[in-house]
Amino acid sequence: MSVQDMVEEGAVPKRPPFLTRQLALLLDRMVETVAVVTLLGCCLVAVMQVFFRYGLNNSLPWPEEVARLGFVWTVFLGMGLAIHRDAHLRIDLIDKIFANASQHVPVAIRVVFIAAACAALAHHGLELVSRSMSFTPALMIPIKWLYLTVPVGAVLGLVFLVLAPPAPLAVWAGLPLCAVGYAIYWAVVGPLVPIIATLEPATVLIAIALTLVVVGVPIGFALVVAVFAALAGEPPLFLVTISQNMASATDSFTLMAIPFFITAAAVMNAGGITKRLIGLASHLVGHLRGGLGQVNILTSVMLAGVSGSSMADAGSVAKIMVPEMERKGYPRPFSCAVTSSSAVIANLIPPGLGLIIYGALASVSVGALFIATIVPGVIVAVALSLVLYLLSIRHGYGGDSERSSAAERWHALLLALPALALPVIIVGGVRFGVFTATEAGAMAFVYAVFCGIVFYRVLTAHGFVQALREAVQDTIVVMFVVAAASPFAWVLASQQVPQTVGQALAGMATSPEMLLLLIILLLLFIGLFMEMIAAMVIMVPIFAPIIMEAGIDPIHFGIIVVLSLVIGALTPPLGILIFTTARIARTSPMLVFRAAMPFLGALITVLLLVAFVPILSTGLVQVLGP
């Protein structure tokens, strides 16, 4: 799906009841059930590990291994599932070009190149499985069961494309388009090899990836096709390593924190936590100038400690706050702009998902990142609140409620306290070594279930299952991009692109500060066109050795990277947070972009402040320790 449609993700496409589509729908439900059960099992295994370690004083050797294997299967089964649901991240620039004409062309292009990527992954993934002879260290499970995930997911994707190609394509179009995709794959690894061999792999890689992303091919599949094309001129064994790289990228206990926190947030929302946080924020700041806007920002700060996801924040808050702000006289685009801008905070307050991914990519302590981001996150919130206050004076917005009494505030605080305790538990537990960031995510999930059932008593079985389904969908979308970007980054590294970029930046930069400024400008530019996670997976391996050589603290740099790229979620043409809130509120994205400009200026100002006053991010780490 396009980044603008992410708010609707998780919905199975409604199509005519042809037999093939009914089969696809049945297969969709079966695969989703397996993925949901597997992810839930992974989470419970991580919780069990913590229980055995502290409850029984007996740390088991196998839970991490089992959880990682289950996680990899969830991701690649989900890859095929997301193909059926048209849920993979993409840029819909070509869709807009054909907005007043037939959508058959852009959709057909997507299907062809998704099929080409799946064909390549299926063929060379099976070859990897046949070559794999090693075993896992704890349970001695053949490693081929790990690598089998890639071809199984690819074949599943092809089956979905044949049975139920995305709208508006006819049912019969799936098979011929998949055949065209296979023909492209065959040509790339066959007749075109002599031509490709004369070109620089890095040039082929970047040119094809950018071209496919621009024409609307989902980012993950664009990267896969580009990597196969770039390595087609190399010895055949190189093509086998692509599937290996993708499976190994997701075989990470650190990255498992992402689905665990996503699941915890989904369960919290199903348990009514968002409304209680909004209630607390209303009692605290609703009487200030720009009242509901201030409530919006404070809610995002509190919700960030639960979700860690800007998308989840924007979606859940927009559904409640935008209509309420409009009823109080705020223009709808302005309400969306406040919601979108404040959602940025979710990646700057523990457990921000961007921080977890950066920590895994740069081999940096996630716990240290959680501590380092607290002050910058608070500064962002204060800056947005100040801008809102000034805009409220200009437009005549006053407070939207009477000042609450101390008793009312205490009552609201008590209702929201279980949710507010979660980030404290997470940061404290990781900081003092009680559990890892991943185990913290699993414990957060258990805590969320406990709050929904015991404290709030609104979490139903249906709501719980729906929350798990949403979490699986969000996990798939994020992790497949991470998986696909791994071989992409590997090719860049093998072609010494980081060294080349580093030399170029070093030639232009006369000091570490100048280097940092150039990197920030580049990240802001990349953020215009690429989603944060995809950009991080590609760019962090390039920049990490450069900043280390320049003497820049990698913890400090991590905060800069996350803040720089998440700003891109507020800028066209990508503007994922803007499009999300605009779609929910049914208003023009361009009007929201315009209304968000003052907040964007504030975010860039804070970015420069944090970048060039490193004590803001490193000071708390120095005081509390990593």
Foldseek 3Di string as FASTA:
>chain_A
DELLCLLVPLDQDDDPPDPLVVVLVVVLVVLLVLLLVLLLVLLVLLLVQLCCCPVVVDHDDPSLVSSLLSQLLLQLSVLLSCLRRVNAYAHCLLCVVCVVHDPVVLLLLQLLLLLLLLVLQLVLLVVLLVPFDFADDRPRHGCSSLSVSRNVSSVSNLSSQQSPRDPPDDNNPSVVSSVNSNVVNCCLLPVCLVVLLVDQLLVQLVVQLVVSRNSIHRNLSSLSVSLCNSCSNPPPVSSSVLSVLLSVLSSDLLLLLQLLLLLLLLLLVLLVLLVLLLQLLCQVQLQFFLRLLLSLLSSLLLSLLRRLALLSQLSSSLLPRLVVVVVVPDDSLLSLLSSLLSSLLSLLAPPHSLLSLLCVQLVHASLLLNQLSPLLSVLLSVLSVVLSNVVSVVVVGGRDDDNHDPVSSVVSCVLNVLSSCLSVCQSVCCLVVSDGSSSSSSVSNVSSNCCSCPVSNSNDPVSSVVSSSVSSSVCNNLSSLLSSLRSVLVSCVVSVVLVVVLVVLVVVDPALLSSLVVVLVVLLVVLQSDQLSNCCSNCSVSCSVSNVVRVHDSSLVSSLSSLSNSLSCLHPDRVSSLSSSCVSSVHDSVSSSVSNVSSSVSSVVSSSVCNVVVCSRCVSCVVSPD
